[in-house]
Amino acid sequence: MPPFFSVVIDNHNYGRFLGQAIESVLAQSFPQKEIEIIVVDDGSTDDSRQVIARYGASLRAILQSRQGQAAAFNVGLAQAGGEVVCLLDSDDV
């Protein structure tokens, strides 16, 4: 059964904020089984990929070479399976 919500987080070199963005999704009161988190890392050279790895199976990571924000969102949207898709920048909570 697909999740109700898909949250697509785009990221490029915002490792210092990324954990807070992911935590803000995990803290929602909606049942976690109804939420999928997709993080698209767009060629980061900071610690972003280590931050993503800390969340293991709590999210789906897509690691790509630098293609830009629109491309990152397009890749995430193509992978989203929820009825409702939310876009979240990695520096937002």
Protein backbone atom coordinates (compact mmCIF):
# COMPACT_ATOMS: atom_id res chain seq x y z
CA MET A 1 0.00 0.00 0.00
CA PRO A 2 1.55 3.33 -1.02
CA PRO A 3 2.00 6.08 1.54
CA PHE A 4 -0.45 8.97 1.70
CA PHE A 5 2.27 11.65 1.82
CA SER A 6 5.56 11.81 -0.03
CA VAL A 7 7.95 14.47 1.20
CA VAL A 8 10.70 15.28 -1.31
CA ILE A 9 13.67 17.13 0.18
CA ASP A 10 16.18 18.64 -2.23
CA ASN A 11 19.68 19.28 -0.93
CA HIS A 12 22.97 20.75 -2.08
CA ASN A 13 25.65 21.46 0.53
CA TYR A 14 23.18 22.16 3.33
CA GLY A 15 24.28 19.36 5.63
CA ARG A 16 24.24 21.78 8.56
CA PHE A 17 20.45 22.13 8.15
CA LEU A 18 19.44 18.84 6.56
CA GLY A 19 19.03 16.85 9.79
CA GLN A 20 16.57 19.42 11.13
CA ALA A 21 14.53 19.26 7.93
CA ILE A 22 14.34 15.46 8.11
CA GLU A 23 13.52 15.55 11.82
CA SER A 24 10.68 18.02 11.15
CA VAL A 25 9.06 15.46 8.85
CA LEU A 26 9.62 12.60 11.28
CA ALA A 27 8.02 14.67 14.06
CA GLN A 28 4.70 15.09 12.26
CA SER A 29 1.69 13.62 14.04
CA PHE A 30 0.52 11.79 10.89
CA PRO A 31 1.26 8.03 11.14
CA GLN A 32 4.84 7.38 9.96
CA LYS A 33 3.73 4.43 7.82
CA GLU A 34 1.72 6.93 5.77
CA ILE A 35 4.71 9.19 5.07
CA GLU A 36 7.66 8.52 2.80
CA ILE A 37 10.70 10.78 2.85
CA ILE A 38 12.79 11.08 -0.29
CA VAL A 39 16.01 13.07 -0.02
CA VAL A 40 17.67 13.99 -3.30
CA ASP A 41 21.25 15.07 -2.75
CA ASP A 42 22.36 17.12 -5.72
CA GLY A 43 26.11 16.62 -5.74
CA SER A 44 26.94 17.90 -2.26
CA THR A 45 30.59 18.20 -1.25
CA ASP A 46 29.95 18.86 2.46
CA ASP A 47 28.78 16.34 5.09
CA SER A 48 25.27 16.06 3.63
CA ARG A 49 25.63 12.44 2.57
CA GLN A 50 26.80 11.43 6.05
CA VAL A 51 23.74 13.19 7.51
CA ILE A 52 21.49 11.31 5.10
CA ALA A 53 23.14 7.99 5.98
CA ARG A 54 22.34 8.47 9.69
CA TYR A 55 18.64 8.06 8.92
CA GLY A 56 19.00 4.65 7.28
CA ALA A 57 15.66 3.10 6.35
CA SER A 58 13.69 6.12 7.61
CA LEU A 59 14.12 7.69 4.18
CA ARG A 60 14.99 6.95 0.59
CA ALA A 61 18.20 8.62 -0.52
CA ILE A 62 18.88 9.53 -4.12
CA LEU A 63 22.46 10.65 -4.69
CA GLN A 64 23.18 12.36 -7.97
CA SER A 65 25.80 14.57 -9.53
CA ARG A 66 25.12 18.31 -9.53
CA GLN A 67 22.19 19.04 -11.85
CA GLY A 68 20.38 21.89 -10.07
CA GLN A 69 17.38 22.29 -7.81
CA ALA A 70 14.72 21.75 -10.48
CA ALA A 71 16.36 18.51 -11.62
CA ALA A 72 16.60 17.32 -8.01
CA PHE A 73 12.90 17.94 -7.44
CA ASN A 74 12.02 16.25 -10.75
CA VAL A 75 13.97 13.14 -9.77
CA GLY A 76 12.26 13.09 -6.36
CA LEU A 77 8.82 13.62 -7.85
CA ALA A 78 9.39 10.74 -10.28
CA GLN A 79 10.11 8.45 -7.29
CA ALA A 80 7.25 9.67 -5.09
CA GLY A 81 4.44 7.20 -4.51
CA GLY A 82 2.16 9.22 -2.24
CA GLU A 83 -1.23 10.68 -3.10
CA VAL A 84 0.02 14.05 -1.86
CA VAL A 85 3.55 15.24 -2.56
CA CYS A 86 5.19 17.94 -0.45
CA LEU A 87 8.38 19.71 -1.49
CA LEU A 88 10.76 20.73 1.28
CA ASP A 89 14.04 22.57 0.91
CA SER A 90 16.79 21.17 3.09
CA ASP A 91 17.10 24.43 5.06
CA ASP A 92 13.40 24.50 6.00
CA VAL A 93 11.68 22.91 8.98
